[in-house]
């Protein structure tokens, strides 16, 4: 667990309590709102530096639009490695495509704001692999510990959480 990121998430109100419906369709009594919290430069910098520590031999960092894009940019700036953006759908005009950036033949570290079941991040993995990238690791800011690790493991990908939700809920 990255203590600096955890403390910053708490400081900037990333964990909210109430009744929420998650992207997976699941109901929850808490929500991890990284998108709003990451608008704070100190939190975004802490996330970027923590992820750059995980990058190792990767050529590029990538994130799925919208939530993971600022995270990918922060990691790119902290590591001085290029980043790529994965669109939610194929662009049918201009140069087209699903991926912005050069990933073909490169080892790409995929980043995510929050993982739950892993469905959203699998979209990113598949898009990158379809574009010719090698994806072996996903770094998530917060893992909700609800199946993403197992799903990614089955796809040959390791999930590395900076913080687990169980660590946040202990606050």
N, C-alpha and C. Protein backbone atom coordinates (compact mmCIF):
# COMPACT_ATOMS: atom_id res chain seq x y z
N UNK A 1 0.84 -1.18 0.00
CA UNK A 1 0.00 0.00 0.00
C UNK A 1 0.88 1.24 0.00
N UNK A 2 0.50 2.22 -0.80
CA UNK A 2 1.20 3.48 -0.85
C UNK A 2 0.55 4.44 0.15
N UNK A 3 1.25 4.71 1.25
CA UNK A 3 0.70 5.52 2.33
C UNK A 3 0.42 6.95 1.88
N UNK A 4 1.30 7.54 1.08
CA UNK A 4 1.10 8.91 0.62
C UNK A 4 -0.17 9.02 -0.21
N UNK A 5 -0.39 8.07 -1.13
CA UNK A 5 -1.59 8.09 -1.95
C UNK A 5 -2.82 7.87 -1.08
N UNK A 6 -2.75 6.92 -0.17
CA UNK A 6 -3.89 6.66 0.73
C UNK A 6 -4.27 7.91 1.51
N UNK A 7 -3.29 8.55 2.13
CA UNK A 7 -3.56 9.76 2.92
C UNK A 7 -4.12 10.87 2.05
N UNK A 8 -3.60 11.02 0.83
CA UNK A 8 -4.10 12.05 -0.08
C UNK A 8 -5.53 11.76 -0.52
N UNK A 9 -5.85 10.50 -0.75
CA UNK A 9 -7.23 10.14 -1.12
C UNK A 9 -8.20 10.53 -0.01
N UNK A 10 -7.81 10.28 1.22
CA UNK A 10 -8.66 10.65 2.36
C UNK A 10 -8.76 12.17 2.47
N UNK A 11 -7.62 12.85 2.38
CA UNK A 11 -7.58 14.31 2.50
C UNK A 11 -8.48 14.98 1.48
N UNK A 12 -8.47 14.48 0.25
CA UNK A 12 -9.24 15.11 -0.83
C UNK A 12 -10.62 14.49 -1.03
N UNK A 13 -11.09 13.72 -0.07
CA UNK A 13 -12.47 13.24 -0.07
C UNK A 13 -12.81 12.24 -1.16
N UNK A 14 -11.87 11.39 -1.52
CA UNK A 14 -12.12 10.43 -2.60
C UNK A 14 -13.10 9.33 -2.20
N UNK A 15 -13.25 9.08 -0.90
CA UNK A 15 -14.20 8.06 -0.47
C UNK A 15 -15.45 8.76 0.04
N UNK A 16 -16.58 8.35 -0.52
CA UNK A 16 -17.87 8.94 -0.17
C UNK A 16 -18.82 7.83 0.25
N UNK A 17 -19.72 8.15 1.18
CA UNK A 17 -20.66 7.16 1.68
C UNK A 17 -22.08 7.55 1.31
N UNK A 18 -22.90 6.54 1.01
CA UNK A 18 -24.29 6.74 0.59
C UNK A 18 -24.74 5.52 -0.18
N UNK A 19 -25.69 5.70 -1.09
CA UNK A 19 -26.16 4.61 -1.95
C UNK A 19 -25.75 4.92 -3.38
N UNK A 20 -24.92 4.02 -3.95
CA UNK A 20 -24.36 4.24 -5.28
C UNK A 20 -24.55 3.02 -6.16
N UNK A 21 -24.65 3.25 -7.46
CA UNK A 21 -24.61 2.19 -8.46
C UNK A 21 -23.29 2.33 -9.18
N UNK A 22 -22.51 1.26 -9.21
CA UNK A 22 -21.18 1.27 -9.83
C UNK A 22 -21.29 1.00 -11.32
N UNK A 23 -20.20 1.22 -12.05
CA UNK A 23 -20.17 0.96 -13.49
C UNK A 23 -20.50 -0.49 -13.80
N UNK A 24 -20.16 -1.38 -12.87
CA UNK A 24 -20.44 -2.81 -13.06
C UNK A 24 -21.92 -3.14 -12.87
N UNK A 25 -22.69 -2.15 -12.38
CA UNK A 25 -24.10 -2.38 -12.09
C UNK A 25 -24.36 -2.76 -10.65
N UNK A 26 -23.29 -3.06 -9.91
CA UNK A 26 -23.42 -3.43 -8.51
C UNK A 26 -23.83 -2.22 -7.68
N UNK A 27 -24.53 -2.48 -6.58
CA UNK A 27 -24.89 -1.44 -5.62
C UNK A 27 -23.81 -1.39 -4.54
N UNK A 28 -23.58 -0.21 -4.00
CA UNK A 28 -22.56 -0.05 -2.96
C UNK A 28 -22.96 1.06 -2.00
N UNK A 29 -22.51 0.94 -0.77
CA UNK A 29 -22.75 1.98 0.24
C UNK A 29 -21.60 2.98 0.29
N UNK A 30 -20.59 2.78 -0.56
CA UNK A 30 -19.49 3.75 -0.64
C UNK A 30 -19.04 3.85 -2.09
N UNK A 31 -18.44 4.98 -2.40
CA UNK A 31 -17.97 5.26 -3.75
C UNK A 31 -16.57 5.84 -3.67
N UNK A 32 -15.70 5.38 -4.53
CA UNK A 32 -14.34 5.91 -4.60
C UNK A 32 -14.30 6.87 -5.78
N UNK A 33 -14.28 8.16 -5.49
CA UNK A 33 -14.36 9.19 -6.52
C UNK A 33 -12.98 9.77 -6.81
N UNK A 34 -12.20 9.02 -7.56
CA UNK A 34 -10.85 9.46 -7.91
C UNK A 34 -10.91 10.60 -8.92
N UNK A 35 -11.89 10.57 -9.82
CA UNK A 35 -11.94 11.59 -10.87
C UNK A 35 -11.98 12.99 -10.28
N UNK A 36 -12.82 13.24 -9.31
CA UNK A 36 -12.88 14.56 -8.68
C UNK A 36 -11.65 14.82 -7.82
N UNK A 37 -11.27 13.85 -7.02
CA UNK A 37 -10.12 14.04 -6.11
C UNK A 37 -8.84 14.31 -6.89
N UNK A 38 -8.68 13.67 -8.05
CA UNK A 38 -7.46 13.81 -8.84
C UNK A 38 -7.36 15.15 -9.55
N UNK A 39 -8.36 16.01 -9.38
CA UNK A 39 -8.22 17.37 -9.92
C UNK A 39 -7.30 18.20 -9.03
N UNK A 40 -6.94 17.65 -7.87
CA UNK A 40 -6.01 18.31 -6.95
C UNK A 40 -4.58 17.95 -7.34
N UNK A 41 -3.74 18.92 -7.66
CA UNK A 41 -2.39 18.64 -8.14
C UNK A 41 -1.56 17.76 -7.19
N UNK A 42 -1.70 17.95 -5.89
CA UNK A 42 -0.89 17.16 -4.95
C UNK A 42 -1.24 15.68 -5.03
N UNK A 43 -2.52 15.37 -5.12
CA UNK A 43 -2.94 13.97 -5.23
C UNK A 43 -2.49 13.39 -6.57
N UNK A 44 -2.70 14.13 -7.64
CA UNK A 44 -2.32 13.63 -8.96
C UNK A 44 -0.81 13.41 -9.05
N UNK A 45 -0.03 14.29 -8.46
CA UNK A 45 1.43 14.11 -8.46
C UNK A 45 1.82 12.88 -7.65
N UNK A 46 1.19 12.68 -6.50
CA UNK A 46 1.49 11.50 -5.67
C UNK A 46 1.17 10.22 -6.43
N UNK A 47 0.04 10.20 -7.12
CA UNK A 47 -0.35 9.03 -7.92
C UNK A 47 0.66 8.81 -9.04
N UNK A 48 1.02 9.87 -9.75
CA UNK A 48 1.97 9.76 -10.86
C UNK A 48 3.31 9.21 -10.41
N UNK A 49 3.83 9.70 -9.29
CA UNK A 49 5.12 9.22 -8.79
C UNK A 49 5.01 7.78 -8.30
N UNK A 50 3.92 7.43 -7.64
CA UNK A 50 3.75 6.04 -7.17
C UNK A 50 3.69 5.07 -8.35
N UNK A 51 2.99 5.45 -9.41
CA UNK A 51 2.89 4.59 -10.58
C UNK A 51 4.23 4.51 -11.30
N UNK A 52 4.94 5.62 -11.41
CA UNK A 52 6.23 5.59 -12.11
C UNK A 52 7.21 4.66 -11.40
N UNK A 53 7.05 4.49 -10.09
CA UNK A 53 7.88 3.53 -9.35
C UNK A 53 7.58 2.09 -9.78
N UNK A 54 6.36 1.84 -10.30
CA UNK A 54 5.96 0.50 -10.74
C UNK A 54 6.31 0.23 -12.20
N UNK A 55 6.71 1.25 -12.94
CA UNK A 55 6.85 1.12 -14.39
C UNK A 55 7.98 0.21 -14.83
N UNK A 56 9.08 0.19 -14.14
CA UNK A 56 10.16 -0.71 -14.52
C UNK A 56 10.55 -0.57 -15.98
N UNK A 57 10.49 -1.68 -16.70
CA UNK A 57 10.96 -1.74 -18.08
C UNK A 57 9.88 -1.42 -19.11
N UNK A 58 8.82 -0.79 -18.71
CA UNK A 58 7.75 -0.48 -19.65
C UNK A 58 8.13 0.68 -20.56
N UNK A 59 7.60 0.61 -21.79
CA UNK A 59 7.89 1.63 -22.78
C UNK A 59 6.92 2.79 -22.73
N UNK A 60 5.73 2.54 -22.20
CA UNK A 60 4.63 3.48 -22.33
C UNK A 60 3.61 3.21 -21.23
N UNK A 61 2.87 4.22 -20.84
CA UNK A 61 1.77 4.07 -19.90
C UNK A 61 0.50 4.47 -20.63
N UNK A 62 -0.61 3.78 -20.36
CA UNK A 62 -1.86 4.07 -21.06
C UNK A 62 -3.03 4.06 -20.09
N UNK A 63 -4.06 4.82 -20.44
CA UNK A 63 -5.28 4.84 -19.64
C UNK A 63 -6.50 4.97 -20.52
N UNK A 64 -7.60 4.39 -20.06
CA UNK A 64 -8.87 4.46 -20.78
C UNK A 64 -9.53 5.80 -20.45
N UNK A 65 -10.04 6.48 -21.47
CA UNK A 65 -10.76 7.74 -21.27
C UNK A 65 -12.03 7.48 -20.46
N UNK A 66 -12.38 8.26 -19.58
CA UNK A 66 -11.90 9.57 -19.19
C UNK A 66 -11.08 9.47 -17.90
N UNK A 67 -11.49 8.65 -16.98
CA UNK A 67 -10.93 8.63 -15.63
C UNK A 67 -9.45 8.34 -15.53
N UNK A 68 -8.93 7.49 -16.39
CA UNK A 68 -7.53 7.10 -16.27
C UNK A 68 -6.58 8.00 -17.05
N UNK A 69 -7.11 8.91 -17.86
CA UNK A 69 -6.24 9.76 -18.67
C UNK A 69 -5.37 10.68 -17.81
N UNK A 70 -5.91 11.43 -16.84
CA UNK A 70 -5.01 12.26 -16.04
C UNK A 70 -4.00 11.42 -15.26
N UNK A 71 -4.38 10.22 -14.89
CA UNK A 71 -3.47 9.32 -14.17
C UNK A 71 -2.33 8.90 -15.10
N UNK A 72 -2.65 8.57 -16.34
CA UNK A 72 -1.62 8.20 -17.31
C UNK A 72 -0.69 9.37 -17.58
N UNK A 73 -1.24 10.57 -17.70
CA UNK A 73 -0.42 11.75 -17.94
C UNK A 73 0.50 12.00 -16.75
N UNK A 74 -0.03 11.89 -15.53
CA UNK A 74 0.79 12.09 -14.33
C UNK A 74 1.93 11.08 -14.26
N UNK A 75 1.63 9.82 -14.58
CA UNK A 75 2.68 8.79 -14.57
C UNK A 75 3.70 9.04 -15.68
N UNK A 76 3.24 9.51 -16.81
CA UNK A 76 4.13 9.84 -17.92
C UNK A 76 5.10 10.96 -17.52
N UNK A 77 4.57 12.00 -16.92
CA UNK A 77 5.42 13.12 -16.50
C UNK A 77 6.42 12.70 -15.42
N UNK A 78 5.96 11.86 -14.48
CA UNK A 78 6.83 11.42 -13.40
C UNK A 78 7.93 10.48 -13.87
N UNK A 79 7.65 9.71 -14.93
CA UNK A 79 8.60 8.70 -15.41
C UNK A 79 9.37 9.13 -16.66
N UNK A 80 8.91 10.21 -17.29
CA UNK A 80 9.49 10.68 -18.55
C UNK A 80 9.35 9.63 -19.65
N UNK A 81 8.23 8.92 -19.61
CA UNK A 81 7.91 7.95 -20.67
C UNK A 81 6.60 8.38 -21.33
N UNK A 82 6.42 8.05 -22.61
CA UNK A 82 5.21 8.48 -23.31
C UNK A 82 3.95 7.81 -22.75
N UNK A 83 2.82 8.41 -23.08
CA UNK A 83 1.55 7.83 -22.68
C UNK A 83 0.64 7.67 -23.90
N UNK A 84 -0.38 6.86 -23.71
CA UNK A 84 -1.39 6.65 -24.75
C UNK A 84 -2.77 6.72 -24.10
N UNK A 85 -3.75 7.08 -24.91
CA UNK A 85 -5.14 7.16 -24.46
C UNK A 85 -5.94 6.14 -25.23
N UNK A 86 -6.78 5.41 -24.51
CA UNK A 86 -7.67 4.44 -25.13
C UNK A 86 -9.06 5.05 -25.14
N UNK A 87 -9.58 5.26 -26.33
CA UNK A 87 -10.94 5.81 -26.44
C UNK A 87 -11.96 4.75 -26.05
N UNK A 88 -13.12 5.20 -25.63
CA UNK A 88 -14.21 4.29 -25.27
C UNK A 88 -14.79 3.61 -26.51
N UNK A 89 -14.58 4.18 -27.67
CA UNK A 89 -15.07 3.60 -28.91
C UNK A 89 -14.21 4.03 -30.08
N UNK A 90 -14.38 3.37 -31.18
CA UNK A 90 -13.64 3.66 -32.41
C UNK A 90 -14.03 5.03 -32.95
N UNK A 91 -13.05 5.83 -33.30
CA UNK A 91 -13.30 7.13 -33.92
C UNK A 91 -13.41 6.90 -35.43
N UNK A 92 -14.50 7.35 -36.03
CA UNK A 92 -14.76 7.07 -37.44
C UNK A 92 -14.34 8.21 -38.37
N UNK A 93 -13.74 9.25 -37.85
CA UNK A 93 -13.34 10.39 -38.68
C UNK A 93 -11.88 10.75 -38.37
N UNK A 94 -11.33 11.67 -39.14
CA UNK A 94 -9.91 12.03 -38.95
C UNK A 94 -9.04 10.83 -39.21
N UNK A 95 -8.07 10.58 -38.34
CA UNK A 95 -7.20 9.42 -38.51
C UNK A 95 -7.81 8.16 -37.93
N UNK A 96 -8.97 8.30 -37.25
CA UNK A 96 -9.69 7.14 -36.72
C UNK A 96 -8.95 6.43 -35.61
N UNK A 97 -9.43 5.26 -35.28
CA UNK A 97 -8.77 4.42 -34.31
C UNK A 97 -9.31 4.53 -32.90
N UNK A 98 -8.87 3.59 -32.09
CA UNK A 98 -9.25 3.52 -30.68
C UNK A 98 -8.14 4.04 -29.79
N UNK A 99 -6.91 3.97 -30.26
CA UNK A 99 -5.75 4.34 -29.45
C UNK A 99 -5.14 5.64 -29.96
N UNK A 100 -4.89 6.57 -29.03
CA UNK A 100 -4.13 7.78 -29.33
C UNK A 100 -2.74 7.55 -28.75
N UNK A 101 -1.74 7.54 -29.61
CA UNK A 101 -0.37 7.28 -29.17
C UNK A 101 0.16 6.01 -29.81
N UNK A 102 1.45 5.84 -29.74
CA UNK A 102 2.13 4.72 -30.38
C UNK A 102 2.35 3.59 -29.39
N UNK A 103 1.62 2.48 -29.56
CA UNK A 103 1.75 1.35 -28.65
C UNK A 103 2.19 0.06 -29.35
N UNK A 104 2.17 0.05 -30.66
CA UNK A 104 2.47 -1.18 -31.40
C UNK A 104 3.87 -1.69 -31.07
N UNK A 105 3.93 -2.96 -30.64
CA UNK A 105 5.19 -3.60 -30.32
C UNK A 105 5.81 -3.15 -29.00
N UNK A 106 5.10 -2.34 -28.24
CA UNK A 106 5.65 -1.81 -26.99
C UNK A 106 5.05 -2.51 -25.77
N UNK A 107 5.85 -2.55 -24.69
CA UNK A 107 5.35 -3.02 -23.40
C UNK A 107 4.64 -1.83 -22.75
N UNK A 108 3.33 -1.99 -22.54
CA UNK A 108 2.51 -0.88 -22.04
C UNK A 108 2.00 -1.21 -20.64
N UNK A 109 2.16 -0.25 -19.74
CA UNK A 109 1.60 -0.34 -18.40
C UNK A 109 0.24 0.35 -18.45
N UNK A 110 -0.82 -0.39 -18.22
CA UNK A 110 -2.16 0.18 -18.21
C UNK A 110 -2.48 0.67 -16.81
N UNK A 111 -3.03 1.88 -16.70
CA UNK A 111 -3.42 2.43 -15.41
C UNK A 111 -4.93 2.61 -15.36
N UNK A 112 -5.45 2.54 -14.14
CA UNK A 112 -6.89 2.69 -13.92
C UNK A 112 -7.10 3.45 -12.63
N UNK A 113 -8.21 4.16 -12.52
CA UNK A 113 -8.48 4.88 -11.28
C UNK A 113 -8.99 3.92 -10.21
N UNK A 114 -10.03 3.16 -10.53
CA UNK A 114 -10.61 2.21 -9.58
C UNK A 114 -10.94 0.92 -10.32
N UNK A 115 -10.63 -0.21 -9.71
CA UNK A 115 -11.04 -1.50 -10.27
C UNK A 115 -12.03 -2.16 -9.32
N UNK A 116 -13.05 -2.77 -9.91
CA UNK A 116 -14.06 -3.50 -9.13
C UNK A 116 -14.06 -4.93 -9.64
N UNK A 117 -14.86 -5.20 -10.66
CA UNK A 117 -14.93 -6.55 -11.22
C UNK A 117 -13.86 -6.77 -12.29
N UNK A 118 -13.35 -5.68 -12.85
CA UNK A 118 -12.30 -5.78 -13.87
C UNK A 118 -12.80 -5.64 -15.29
N UNK A 119 -14.11 -5.54 -15.48
CA UNK A 119 -14.66 -5.46 -16.83
C UNK A 119 -14.16 -4.26 -17.61
N UNK A 120 -14.14 -3.10 -17.00
CA UNK A 120 -13.70 -1.89 -17.70
C UNK A 120 -12.23 -1.96 -18.09
N UNK A 121 -11.41 -2.45 -17.19
CA UNK A 121 -9.98 -2.53 -17.48
C UNK A 121 -9.68 -3.60 -18.53
N UNK A 122 -10.51 -4.64 -18.61
CA UNK A 122 -10.33 -5.65 -19.66
C UNK A 122 -10.55 -5.04 -21.04
N UNK A 123 -11.45 -4.06 -21.13
CA UNK A 123 -11.65 -3.35 -22.39
C UNK A 123 -10.33 -2.71 -22.83
N UNK A 124 -9.65 -2.05 -21.89
CA UNK A 124 -8.38 -1.41 -22.19
C UNK A 124 -7.31 -2.40 -22.59
N UNK A 125 -7.23 -3.50 -21.86
CA UNK A 125 -6.24 -4.55 -22.17
C UNK A 125 -6.46 -5.07 -23.58
N UNK A 126 -7.71 -5.39 -23.91
CA UNK A 126 -8.02 -5.93 -25.24
C UNK A 126 -7.75 -4.92 -26.35
N UNK A 127 -8.09 -3.65 -26.12
CA UNK A 127 -7.83 -2.61 -27.13
C UNK A 127 -6.33 -2.46 -27.37
N UNK A 128 -5.55 -2.46 -26.30
CA UNK A 128 -4.10 -2.35 -26.45
C UNK A 128 -3.52 -3.56 -27.17
N UNK A 129 -3.95 -4.73 -26.78
CA UNK A 129 -3.44 -5.94 -27.43
C UNK A 129 -3.85 -5.98 -28.89
N UNK A 130 -5.07 -5.55 -29.21
CA UNK A 130 -5.50 -5.50 -30.61
C UNK A 130 -4.65 -4.53 -31.42
N UNK A 131 -4.09 -3.52 -30.75
CA UNK A 131 -3.24 -2.53 -31.43
C UNK A 131 -1.77 -2.98 -31.47
N UNK A 132 -1.50 -4.18 -30.98
CA UNK A 132 -0.15 -4.72 -31.06
C UNK A 132 0.72 -4.49 -29.84
N UNK A 133 0.13 -4.03 -28.75
CA UNK A 133 0.90 -3.79 -27.52
C UNK A 133 0.98 -5.06 -26.68
N UNK A 134 1.99 -5.10 -25.84
CA UNK A 134 2.14 -6.16 -24.85
C UNK A 134 1.70 -5.57 -23.51
N UNK A 135 0.68 -6.19 -22.90
CA UNK A 135 0.15 -5.70 -21.62
C UNK A 135 0.24 -6.84 -20.63
N UNK A 136 1.05 -6.64 -19.59
CA UNK A 136 1.22 -7.67 -18.56
C UNK A 136 0.86 -7.18 -17.17
N UNK A 137 0.76 -5.85 -17.01
CA UNK A 137 0.51 -5.28 -15.69
C UNK A 137 -0.47 -4.12 -15.79
N UNK A 138 -1.38 -4.07 -14.82
CA UNK A 138 -2.28 -2.93 -14.65
C UNK A 138 -2.02 -2.39 -13.25
N UNK A 139 -1.82 -1.08 -13.16
CA UNK A 139 -1.73 -0.42 -11.86
C UNK A 139 -3.02 0.36 -11.66
N UNK A 140 -3.70 0.07 -10.56
CA UNK A 140 -4.92 0.79 -10.22
C UNK A 140 -4.67 1.62 -8.98
N UNK A 141 -5.27 2.79 -8.92
CA UNK A 141 -5.10 3.63 -7.74
C UNK A 141 -5.77 2.94 -6.56
N UNK A 142 -7.03 2.49 -6.75
CA UNK A 142 -7.75 1.78 -5.68
C UNK A 142 -8.39 0.52 -6.26
N UNK A 143 -8.14 -0.60 -5.62
CA UNK A 143 -8.82 -1.86 -5.96
C UNK A 143 -9.92 -2.08 -4.94
N UNK A 144 -11.15 -2.22 -5.41
CA UNK A 144 -12.29 -2.47 -4.53
C UNK A 144 -12.32 -3.91 -4.04
N UNK A 145 -11.39 -4.74 -4.52
CA UNK A 145 -11.24 -6.12 -4.06
C UNK A 145 -12.52 -6.95 -4.30
N UNK A 146 -13.08 -6.79 -5.51
CA UNK A 146 -14.31 -7.50 -5.85
C UNK A 146 -14.18 -8.31 -7.13
N UNK A 147 -12.99 -8.83 -7.39
CA UNK A 147 -12.84 -9.77 -8.50
C UNK A 147 -11.93 -9.34 -9.62
N UNK A 148 -11.51 -8.08 -9.68
CA UNK A 148 -10.67 -7.62 -10.79
C UNK A 148 -9.36 -8.39 -10.85
N UNK A 149 -8.75 -8.64 -9.71
CA UNK A 149 -7.46 -9.34 -9.69
C UNK A 149 -7.58 -10.73 -10.30
N UNK A 150 -8.64 -11.45 -9.97
CA UNK A 150 -8.84 -12.79 -10.53
C UNK A 150 -9.08 -12.74 -12.03
N UNK A 151 -9.93 -11.81 -12.47
CA UNK A 151 -10.23 -11.70 -13.90
C UNK A 151 -8.97 -11.37 -14.70
N UNK A 152 -8.19 -10.43 -14.21
CA UNK A 152 -6.97 -10.05 -14.92
C UNK A 152 -5.95 -11.18 -14.89
N UNK A 153 -5.84 -11.86 -13.78
CA UNK A 153 -4.93 -13.00 -13.69
C UNK A 153 -5.28 -14.05 -14.74
N UNK A 154 -6.56 -14.30 -14.95
CA UNK A 154 -7.00 -15.26 -15.97
C UNK A 154 -6.61 -14.81 -17.38
N UNK A 155 -6.42 -13.49 -17.56
CA UNK A 155 -6.02 -12.94 -18.85
C UNK A 155 -4.50 -12.78 -18.95
N UNK A 156 -3.78 -13.28 -17.94
CA UNK A 156 -2.33 -13.19 -17.96
C UNK A 156 -1.79 -11.83 -17.57
N UNK A 157 -2.57 -11.08 -16.79
CA UNK A 157 -2.20 -9.72 -16.40
C UNK A 157 -2.18 -9.63 -14.88
N UNK A 158 -1.18 -8.97 -14.35
CA UNK A 158 -1.06 -8.76 -12.91
C UNK A 158 -1.66 -7.42 -12.53
N UNK A 159 -2.50 -7.41 -11.51
CA UNK A 159 -3.08 -6.17 -11.00
C UNK A 159 -2.27 -5.71 -9.79
N UNK A 160 -1.79 -4.46 -9.87
CA UNK A 160 -1.01 -3.87 -8.78
C UNK A 160 -1.80 -2.68 -8.24
N UNK A 161 -2.41 -2.82 -7.07
CA UNK A 161 -3.14 -1.68 -6.49
C UNK A 161 -2.20 -0.80 -5.67
N UNK A 162 -2.34 0.51 -5.83
CA UNK A 162 -1.61 1.42 -4.95
C UNK A 162 -2.23 1.39 -3.56
N UNK A 163 -3.56 1.26 -3.53
CA UNK A 163 -4.32 1.19 -2.28
C UNK A 163 -5.46 0.19 -2.47
N UNK A 164 -5.74 -0.58 -1.45
CA UNK A 164 -6.91 -1.47 -1.46
C UNK A 164 -8.03 -0.78 -0.69
N UNK A 165 -9.27 -1.02 -1.11
CA UNK A 165 -10.38 -0.35 -0.44
C UNK A 165 -10.44 -0.72 1.04
N UNK A 166 -10.03 -1.93 1.39
CA UNK A 166 -10.03 -2.32 2.80
C UNK A 166 -9.12 -1.41 3.62
N UNK A 167 -8.04 -0.89 3.01
CA UNK A 167 -7.16 0.06 3.69
C UNK A 167 -7.87 1.41 3.89
N UNK A 168 -8.63 1.83 2.89
CA UNK A 168 -9.35 3.11 2.98
C UNK A 168 -10.48 3.04 4.01
N UNK A 169 -11.18 1.91 4.04
CA UNK A 169 -12.34 1.79 4.93
C UNK A 169 -11.92 1.69 6.39
N UNK A 170 -10.67 1.40 6.66
CA UNK A 170 -10.17 1.37 8.04
C UNK A 170 -10.00 2.76 8.62
N UNK A 171 -10.10 3.80 7.78
CA UNK A 171 -9.91 5.19 8.23
C UNK A 171 -10.99 5.59 9.22
